[in-house]
């Protein structure tokens, strides 16, 4: 099934993002953990504060990425009868997935574009039906199906 296959690819992409974020958190955690008993230049402690700030930012981004992954995994069991967050839209030229932004990829000789439900393109396709034509960027697309 197209929906399940495409969502599984999106899940794998999101897992790569999460792994990268985990590595960044760990890198900044190490950088922010100076031994205060050792002799250090005052500049080192300034960099320690910056590293801790970056660690906290990456941890927040990591939590958001994990929540997004949970949302996408939950979409494996869903089916949509209107275009909303979580809907996979098949057009005559590509597939559109609403709810998460990942780099474009190919599926069955069509490009899959995934974007947030806050992206301007969502407003162009929201409320449309099968057979309708929508504008996505400079392209005019005809909606074949959605699920």
N, C-alpha and C. Protein backbone atom coordinates (compact mmCIF):
# COMPACT_ATOMS: atom_id res chain seq x y z
N UNK A 1 0.85 -1.20 0.00
CA UNK A 1 0.00 0.00 0.00
C UNK A 1 0.88 1.24 0.00
N UNK A 2 0.56 2.19 -0.84
CA UNK A 2 1.36 3.40 -0.99
C UNK A 2 1.50 4.17 0.32
N UNK A 3 0.39 4.36 1.01
CA UNK A 3 0.41 5.16 2.24
C UNK A 3 1.37 4.57 3.25
N UNK A 4 1.25 3.28 3.51
CA UNK A 4 2.12 2.63 4.50
C UNK A 4 3.58 2.69 4.08
N UNK A 5 3.85 2.41 2.81
CA UNK A 5 5.23 2.44 2.32
C UNK A 5 5.84 3.83 2.48
N UNK A 6 5.10 4.85 2.06
CA UNK A 6 5.61 6.22 2.13
C UNK A 6 5.80 6.66 3.58
N UNK A 7 4.86 6.35 4.43
CA UNK A 7 4.99 6.73 5.84
C UNK A 7 6.18 6.01 6.48
N UNK A 8 6.41 4.77 6.12
CA UNK A 8 7.59 4.06 6.66
C UNK A 8 8.89 4.73 6.22
N UNK A 9 8.95 5.23 5.00
CA UNK A 9 10.14 5.95 4.54
C UNK A 9 10.30 7.24 5.35
N UNK A 10 9.20 7.95 5.57
CA UNK A 10 9.25 9.19 6.36
C UNK A 10 9.71 8.88 7.79
N UNK A 11 9.23 7.78 8.36
CA UNK A 11 9.67 7.37 9.70
C UNK A 11 11.17 7.15 9.74
N UNK A 12 11.69 6.47 8.74
CA UNK A 12 13.14 6.23 8.70
C UNK A 12 13.92 7.54 8.58
N UNK A 13 13.42 8.47 7.79
CA UNK A 13 14.06 9.79 7.68
C UNK A 13 14.07 10.50 9.03
N UNK A 14 12.95 10.42 9.74
CA UNK A 14 12.85 11.09 11.04
C UNK A 14 13.78 10.43 12.06
N UNK A 15 13.95 9.13 11.97
CA UNK A 15 14.87 8.44 12.88
C UNK A 15 16.31 8.90 12.65
N UNK A 16 16.67 9.18 11.41
CA UNK A 16 18.01 9.70 11.10
C UNK A 16 18.18 11.08 11.75
N UNK A 17 17.16 11.91 11.66
CA UNK A 17 17.20 13.24 12.27
C UNK A 17 17.37 13.10 13.79
N UNK A 18 16.62 12.20 14.40
CA UNK A 18 16.69 12.00 15.84
C UNK A 18 18.08 11.52 16.26
N UNK A 19 18.65 10.60 15.51
CA UNK A 19 19.99 10.11 15.84
C UNK A 19 21.02 11.23 15.76
N UNK A 20 20.91 12.06 14.77
CA UNK A 20 21.82 13.20 14.63
C UNK A 20 21.66 14.17 15.80
N UNK A 21 20.43 14.42 16.21
CA UNK A 21 20.18 15.30 17.35
C UNK A 21 20.74 14.71 18.64
N UNK A 22 20.60 13.41 18.81
CA UNK A 22 21.15 12.75 20.00
C UNK A 22 22.67 12.92 20.05
N UNK A 23 23.32 12.79 18.91
CA UNK A 23 24.77 12.96 18.86
C UNK A 23 25.16 14.40 19.19
N UNK A 24 24.39 15.36 18.71
CA UNK A 24 24.67 16.77 19.02
C UNK A 24 24.49 17.04 20.51
N UNK A 25 23.43 16.51 21.10
CA UNK A 25 23.20 16.68 22.53
C UNK A 25 24.39 16.12 23.31
N UNK A 26 24.82 14.94 22.94
CA UNK A 26 25.94 14.31 23.65
C UNK A 26 27.22 15.11 23.49
N UNK A 27 27.46 15.61 22.29
CA UNK A 27 28.67 16.41 22.03
C UNK A 27 28.67 17.67 22.91
N UNK A 28 27.54 18.36 22.99
CA UNK A 28 27.48 19.58 23.80
C UNK A 28 27.46 19.26 25.30
N UNK A 29 26.92 18.10 25.65
CA UNK A 29 26.94 17.69 27.05
C UNK A 29 28.38 17.52 27.52
N UNK A 30 29.19 16.88 26.71
CA UNK A 30 30.61 16.68 27.03
C UNK A 30 31.33 18.02 27.10
N UNK A 31 31.04 18.90 26.14
CA UNK A 31 31.70 20.21 26.11
C UNK A 31 31.32 21.08 27.29
N UNK A 32 30.13 20.88 27.83
CA UNK A 32 29.68 21.72 28.94
C UNK A 32 30.06 21.15 30.31
N UNK A 33 30.68 19.99 30.31
CA UNK A 33 31.01 19.32 31.57
C UNK A 33 32.51 19.43 31.87
N UNK A 34 32.96 20.66 32.16
CA UNK A 34 34.37 20.87 32.52
C UNK A 34 34.58 20.50 33.98
N UNK A 35 35.72 19.97 34.26
CA UNK A 35 36.10 19.68 35.64
C UNK A 35 36.47 21.00 36.30
N UNK A 36 35.63 21.46 37.21
CA UNK A 36 35.84 22.76 37.84
C UNK A 36 37.03 22.78 38.80
N UNK A 37 37.55 21.62 39.16
CA UNK A 37 38.71 21.54 40.04
C UNK A 37 40.01 21.75 39.26
N UNK A 38 39.97 21.51 37.96
CA UNK A 38 41.17 21.66 37.14
C UNK A 38 41.45 23.14 36.88
N UNK A 39 42.65 23.41 36.42
CA UNK A 39 43.03 24.77 36.08
C UNK A 39 42.55 25.06 34.67
N UNK A 40 41.71 26.08 34.57
CA UNK A 40 41.17 26.47 33.27
C UNK A 40 41.25 27.97 33.11
N UNK A 41 41.33 28.38 31.88
CA UNK A 41 41.26 29.78 31.52
C UNK A 41 39.81 30.24 31.73
N UNK A 42 39.58 31.48 32.18
CA UNK A 42 38.20 31.96 32.33
C UNK A 42 37.38 31.83 31.05
N UNK A 43 38.06 31.91 29.90
CA UNK A 43 37.39 31.75 28.61
C UNK A 43 36.76 30.36 28.50
N UNK A 44 37.41 29.35 29.09
CA UNK A 44 36.88 27.99 29.04
C UNK A 44 35.51 27.91 29.71
N UNK A 45 35.34 28.64 30.82
CA UNK A 45 34.07 28.61 31.54
C UNK A 45 32.98 29.35 30.75
N UNK A 46 33.38 30.38 30.00
CA UNK A 46 32.44 31.08 29.13
C UNK A 46 31.95 30.13 28.04
N UNK A 47 32.86 29.38 27.45
CA UNK A 47 32.49 28.41 26.42
C UNK A 47 31.65 27.28 27.00
N UNK A 48 31.90 26.97 28.26
CA UNK A 48 31.12 25.93 28.94
C UNK A 48 29.65 26.37 29.02
N UNK A 49 29.43 27.63 29.33
CA UNK A 49 28.07 28.16 29.42
C UNK A 49 27.39 28.12 28.05
N UNK A 50 28.12 28.49 27.01
CA UNK A 50 27.57 28.45 25.66
C UNK A 50 27.24 27.00 25.26
N UNK A 51 28.12 26.08 25.61
CA UNK A 51 27.90 24.67 25.28
C UNK A 51 26.66 24.15 26.00
N UNK A 52 26.47 24.55 27.25
CA UNK A 52 25.29 24.11 28.01
C UNK A 52 24.02 24.66 27.37
N UNK A 53 24.08 25.93 26.94
CA UNK A 53 22.93 26.53 26.27
C UNK A 53 22.59 25.77 24.99
N UNK A 54 23.62 25.42 24.21
CA UNK A 54 23.39 24.65 22.98
C UNK A 54 22.85 23.26 23.30
N UNK A 55 23.35 22.65 24.35
CA UNK A 55 22.86 21.33 24.76
C UNK A 55 21.36 21.40 25.05
N UNK A 56 20.95 22.41 25.79
CA UNK A 56 19.53 22.55 26.14
C UNK A 56 18.68 22.80 24.90
N UNK A 57 19.19 23.58 23.96
CA UNK A 57 18.46 23.83 22.72
C UNK A 57 18.29 22.54 21.91
N UNK A 58 19.37 21.78 21.81
CA UNK A 58 19.29 20.52 21.06
C UNK A 58 18.38 19.51 21.76
N UNK A 59 18.38 19.51 23.08
CA UNK A 59 17.48 18.61 23.82
C UNK A 59 16.02 18.95 23.52
N UNK A 60 15.72 20.26 23.45
CA UNK A 60 14.34 20.68 23.14
C UNK A 60 13.98 20.25 21.72
N UNK A 61 14.88 20.47 20.78
CA UNK A 61 14.64 20.06 19.40
C UNK A 61 14.48 18.55 19.30
N UNK A 62 15.28 17.82 20.06
CA UNK A 62 15.19 16.36 20.09
C UNK A 62 13.82 15.91 20.59
N UNK A 63 13.33 16.51 21.66
CA UNK A 63 12.00 16.16 22.19
C UNK A 63 10.92 16.41 21.12
N UNK A 64 11.02 17.54 20.42
CA UNK A 64 10.05 17.85 19.37
C UNK A 64 10.13 16.82 18.24
N UNK A 65 11.34 16.43 17.87
CA UNK A 65 11.53 15.44 16.81
C UNK A 65 10.95 14.09 17.23
N UNK A 66 11.12 13.73 18.49
CA UNK A 66 10.56 12.46 18.98
C UNK A 66 9.03 12.51 19.00
N UNK A 67 8.46 13.67 19.33
CA UNK A 67 7.00 13.81 19.29
C UNK A 67 6.48 13.70 17.85
N UNK A 68 7.23 14.29 16.93
CA UNK A 68 6.86 14.20 15.52
C UNK A 68 6.92 12.76 15.03
N UNK A 69 7.96 12.04 15.45
CA UNK A 69 8.07 10.62 15.09
C UNK A 69 6.87 9.84 15.61
N UNK A 70 6.49 10.09 16.84
CA UNK A 70 5.33 9.40 17.42
C UNK A 70 4.06 9.70 16.61
N UNK A 71 3.91 10.96 16.18
CA UNK A 71 2.76 11.33 15.35
C UNK A 71 2.76 10.53 14.04
N UNK A 72 3.91 10.49 13.37
CA UNK A 72 3.99 9.80 12.07
C UNK A 72 3.76 8.30 12.25
N UNK A 73 4.33 7.71 13.30
CA UNK A 73 4.10 6.29 13.56
C UNK A 73 2.62 6.02 13.80
N UNK A 74 1.94 6.92 14.47
CA UNK A 74 0.49 6.79 14.69
C UNK A 74 -0.30 6.86 13.40
N UNK A 75 0.24 7.54 12.41
CA UNK A 75 -0.44 7.68 11.12
C UNK A 75 -0.45 6.40 10.30
N UNK A 76 0.37 5.43 10.68
CA UNK A 76 0.37 4.14 9.97
C UNK A 76 -1.00 3.47 10.03
N UNK A 77 -1.74 3.72 11.10
CA UNK A 77 -3.03 3.07 11.30
C UNK A 77 -4.21 3.94 10.86
N UNK A 78 -3.94 5.18 10.49
CA UNK A 78 -5.01 6.12 10.18
C UNK A 78 -5.34 6.13 8.69
N UNK A 79 -6.53 6.64 8.39
CA UNK A 79 -6.95 6.89 7.01
C UNK A 79 -7.76 8.18 7.07
N UNK A 80 -7.50 9.07 6.13
CA UNK A 80 -8.17 10.38 6.14
C UNK A 80 -9.13 10.50 4.97
N UNK A 81 -10.29 11.11 5.25
CA UNK A 81 -11.27 11.32 4.19
C UNK A 81 -11.34 12.79 3.79
N UNK A 82 -10.42 13.60 4.33
CA UNK A 82 -10.26 14.98 3.91
C UNK A 82 -8.78 15.34 4.08
N UNK A 83 -8.38 16.44 3.46
CA UNK A 83 -6.98 16.84 3.54
C UNK A 83 -6.75 17.60 4.84
N UNK A 84 -5.94 16.99 5.70
CA UNK A 84 -5.63 17.54 7.01
C UNK A 84 -4.27 17.01 7.43
N UNK A 85 -3.83 17.34 8.63
CA UNK A 85 -2.55 16.84 9.12
C UNK A 85 -2.59 15.31 9.12
N UNK A 86 -1.59 14.71 8.48
CA UNK A 86 -1.51 13.26 8.39
C UNK A 86 -1.99 12.68 7.07
N UNK A 87 -2.56 13.52 6.22
CA UNK A 87 -3.09 13.04 4.94
C UNK A 87 -1.96 12.88 3.92
N UNK A 88 -2.02 11.79 3.18
CA UNK A 88 -1.15 11.57 2.03
C UNK A 88 -2.00 11.86 0.79
N UNK A 89 -1.55 12.82 0.00
CA UNK A 89 -2.27 13.24 -1.20
C UNK A 89 -1.48 12.75 -2.42
N UNK A 90 -2.15 12.02 -3.30
CA UNK A 90 -1.52 11.63 -4.56
C UNK A 90 -2.02 12.57 -5.64
N UNK A 91 -1.08 13.18 -6.36
CA UNK A 91 -1.45 14.04 -7.47
C UNK A 91 -0.97 13.37 -8.77
N UNK A 92 -1.27 14.00 -9.88
CA UNK A 92 -0.85 13.46 -11.17
C UNK A 92 0.68 13.50 -11.33
N UNK A 93 1.37 14.30 -10.50
CA UNK A 93 2.81 14.46 -10.65
C UNK A 93 3.63 14.00 -9.44
N UNK A 94 3.03 13.97 -8.27
CA UNK A 94 3.79 13.62 -7.07
C UNK A 94 2.87 13.18 -5.93
N UNK A 95 3.48 12.95 -4.78
CA UNK A 95 2.74 12.68 -3.55
C UNK A 95 3.03 13.83 -2.59
N UNK A 96 2.05 14.21 -1.78
CA UNK A 96 2.21 15.24 -0.77
C UNK A 96 1.81 14.64 0.57
N UNK A 97 2.67 14.77 1.57
CA UNK A 97 2.32 14.30 2.91
C UNK A 97 2.28 15.51 3.83
N UNK A 98 1.17 15.68 4.52
CA UNK A 98 0.97 16.83 5.41
C UNK A 98 1.29 16.45 6.85
N UNK A 99 2.18 17.21 7.48
CA UNK A 99 2.39 17.01 8.92
C UNK A 99 3.82 17.00 9.38
N UNK A 100 4.77 16.80 8.48
CA UNK A 100 6.18 16.76 8.86
C UNK A 100 7.00 17.18 7.65
N UNK A 101 8.07 17.87 7.90
CA UNK A 101 8.95 18.28 6.82
C UNK A 101 10.18 17.37 6.80
N UNK A 102 10.36 16.66 5.70
CA UNK A 102 11.56 15.84 5.48
C UNK A 102 12.02 16.13 4.06
N UNK A 103 13.29 15.83 3.74
CA UNK A 103 13.76 16.06 2.37
C UNK A 103 12.92 15.26 1.37
N UNK A 104 12.71 15.81 0.18
CA UNK A 104 11.95 15.08 -0.86
C UNK A 104 12.64 13.76 -1.21
N UNK A 105 11.83 12.76 -1.58
CA UNK A 105 12.36 11.47 -2.02
C UNK A 105 11.45 10.90 -3.09
N UNK A 106 11.92 9.88 -3.76
CA UNK A 106 11.18 9.25 -4.85
C UNK A 106 10.42 8.01 -4.35
N UNK A 107 9.22 7.83 -4.87
CA UNK A 107 8.44 6.62 -4.61
C UNK A 107 7.63 6.35 -5.88
N UNK A 108 7.80 5.17 -6.44
CA UNK A 108 7.10 4.77 -7.67
C UNK A 108 7.21 5.85 -8.76
N UNK A 109 8.41 6.31 -9.00
CA UNK A 109 8.70 7.30 -10.05
C UNK A 109 8.01 8.65 -9.84
N UNK A 110 7.56 8.91 -8.62
CA UNK A 110 7.01 10.21 -8.29
C UNK A 110 7.76 10.76 -7.07
N UNK A 111 7.93 12.05 -7.05
CA UNK A 111 8.57 12.69 -5.91
C UNK A 111 7.57 12.81 -4.77
N UNK A 112 8.05 12.56 -3.54
CA UNK A 112 7.22 12.72 -2.35
C UNK A 112 7.69 13.99 -1.65
N UNK A 113 6.77 14.92 -1.48
CA UNK A 113 7.05 16.16 -0.77
C UNK A 113 6.29 16.12 0.55
N UNK A 114 7.01 16.27 1.63
CA UNK A 114 6.39 16.25 2.96
C UNK A 114 6.59 17.62 3.58
N UNK A 115 5.52 18.16 4.14
CA UNK A 115 5.59 19.51 4.71
C UNK A 115 4.65 19.62 5.91
N UNK A 116 4.90 20.62 6.70
CA UNK A 116 4.12 20.88 7.91
C UNK A 116 2.73 21.38 7.55
N UNK A 117 1.80 21.17 8.45
CA UNK A 117 0.46 21.71 8.26
C UNK A 117 0.45 23.22 8.52
N UNK A 118 1.59 23.79 8.90
CA UNK A 118 1.72 25.23 9.08
C UNK A 118 2.32 25.88 7.83
N UNK A 119 2.79 25.07 6.87
CA UNK A 119 3.41 25.59 5.65
C UNK A 119 2.33 26.24 4.77
N UNK A 120 2.70 27.30 4.05
CA UNK A 120 1.72 27.97 3.17
C UNK A 120 1.09 27.03 2.14
N UNK A 121 1.83 26.04 1.67
CA UNK A 121 1.28 25.12 0.67
C UNK A 121 0.07 24.37 1.22
N UNK A 122 0.04 24.14 2.52
CA UNK A 122 -1.11 23.43 3.11
C UNK A 122 -2.40 24.22 2.88
N UNK A 123 -2.32 25.54 2.99
CA UNK A 123 -3.52 26.35 2.78
C UNK A 123 -4.04 26.22 1.35
N UNK A 124 -3.12 25.95 0.39
CA UNK A 124 -3.53 25.78 -1.01
C UNK A 124 -4.28 24.48 -1.25
N UNK A 125 -3.98 23.44 -0.47
CA UNK A 125 -4.60 22.13 -0.73
C UNK A 125 -5.71 21.79 0.26
N UNK A 126 -5.75 22.47 1.39
CA UNK A 126 -6.76 22.21 2.42
C UNK A 126 -8.16 22.42 1.83
N UNK A 127 -9.03 21.45 2.08
CA UNK A 127 -10.41 21.56 1.63
C UNK A 127 -10.64 21.12 0.19
N UNK A 128 -9.59 20.72 -0.50
CA UNK A 128 -9.73 20.28 -1.89
C UNK A 128 -10.21 18.84 -1.92
N UNK A 129 -10.76 18.45 -3.08
CA UNK A 129 -11.30 17.10 -3.27
C UNK A 129 -10.62 16.41 -4.43
N UNK A 130 -10.87 15.11 -4.56
CA UNK A 130 -10.35 14.35 -5.69
C UNK A 130 -10.80 15.01 -6.98
N UNK A 131 -9.88 15.13 -7.93
CA UNK A 131 -10.18 15.75 -9.21
C UNK A 131 -9.90 17.25 -9.24
N UNK A 132 -9.78 17.89 -8.07
CA UNK A 132 -9.48 19.32 -8.03
C UNK A 132 -8.05 19.58 -8.47
N UNK A 133 -7.82 20.78 -8.98
CA UNK A 133 -6.48 21.22 -9.34
C UNK A 133 -5.99 22.18 -8.26
N UNK A 134 -4.74 22.00 -7.86
CA UNK A 134 -4.15 22.86 -6.82
C UNK A 134 -2.83 23.43 -7.32
N UNK A 135 -2.48 24.58 -6.79
CA UNK A 135 -1.22 25.21 -7.12
C UNK A 135 -0.23 24.93 -5.99
N UNK A 136 0.89 24.33 -6.36
CA UNK A 136 1.97 24.06 -5.40
C UNK A 136 3.23 24.64 -6.02
N UNK A 137 3.66 25.77 -5.47
CA UNK A 137 4.77 26.48 -6.08
C UNK A 137 4.34 26.95 -7.46
N UNK A 138 5.16 26.67 -8.47
CA UNK A 138 4.84 27.07 -9.84
C UNK A 138 4.08 25.98 -10.59
N UNK A 139 3.80 24.86 -9.91
CA UNK A 139 3.15 23.73 -10.57
C UNK A 139 1.65 23.72 -10.30
N UNK A 140 0.93 23.27 -11.30
CA UNK A 140 -0.49 23.02 -11.18
C UNK A 140 -0.67 21.51 -11.13
N UNK A 141 -1.24 21.02 -10.03
CA UNK A 141 -1.36 19.58 -9.81
C UNK A 141 -2.83 19.18 -9.71
N UNK A 142 -3.14 18.01 -10.24
CA UNK A 142 -4.50 17.49 -10.10
C UNK A 142 -4.49 16.40 -9.03
N UNK A 143 -5.41 16.50 -8.08
CA UNK A 143 -5.50 15.52 -7.01
C UNK A 143 -6.16 14.25 -7.55
N UNK A 144 -5.44 13.15 -7.43
CA UNK A 144 -5.96 11.84 -7.86
C UNK A 144 -6.67 11.16 -6.70
N UNK A 145 -6.02 11.18 -5.53
CA UNK A 145 -6.57 10.47 -4.37
C UNK A 145 -5.90 10.99 -3.12
N UNK A 146 -6.48 10.70 -1.96
CA UNK A 146 -5.82 10.96 -0.69
C UNK A 146 -6.29 9.96 0.34
N UNK A 147 -5.41 9.73 1.31
CA UNK A 147 -5.74 8.77 2.36
C UNK A 147 -5.08 9.19 3.65
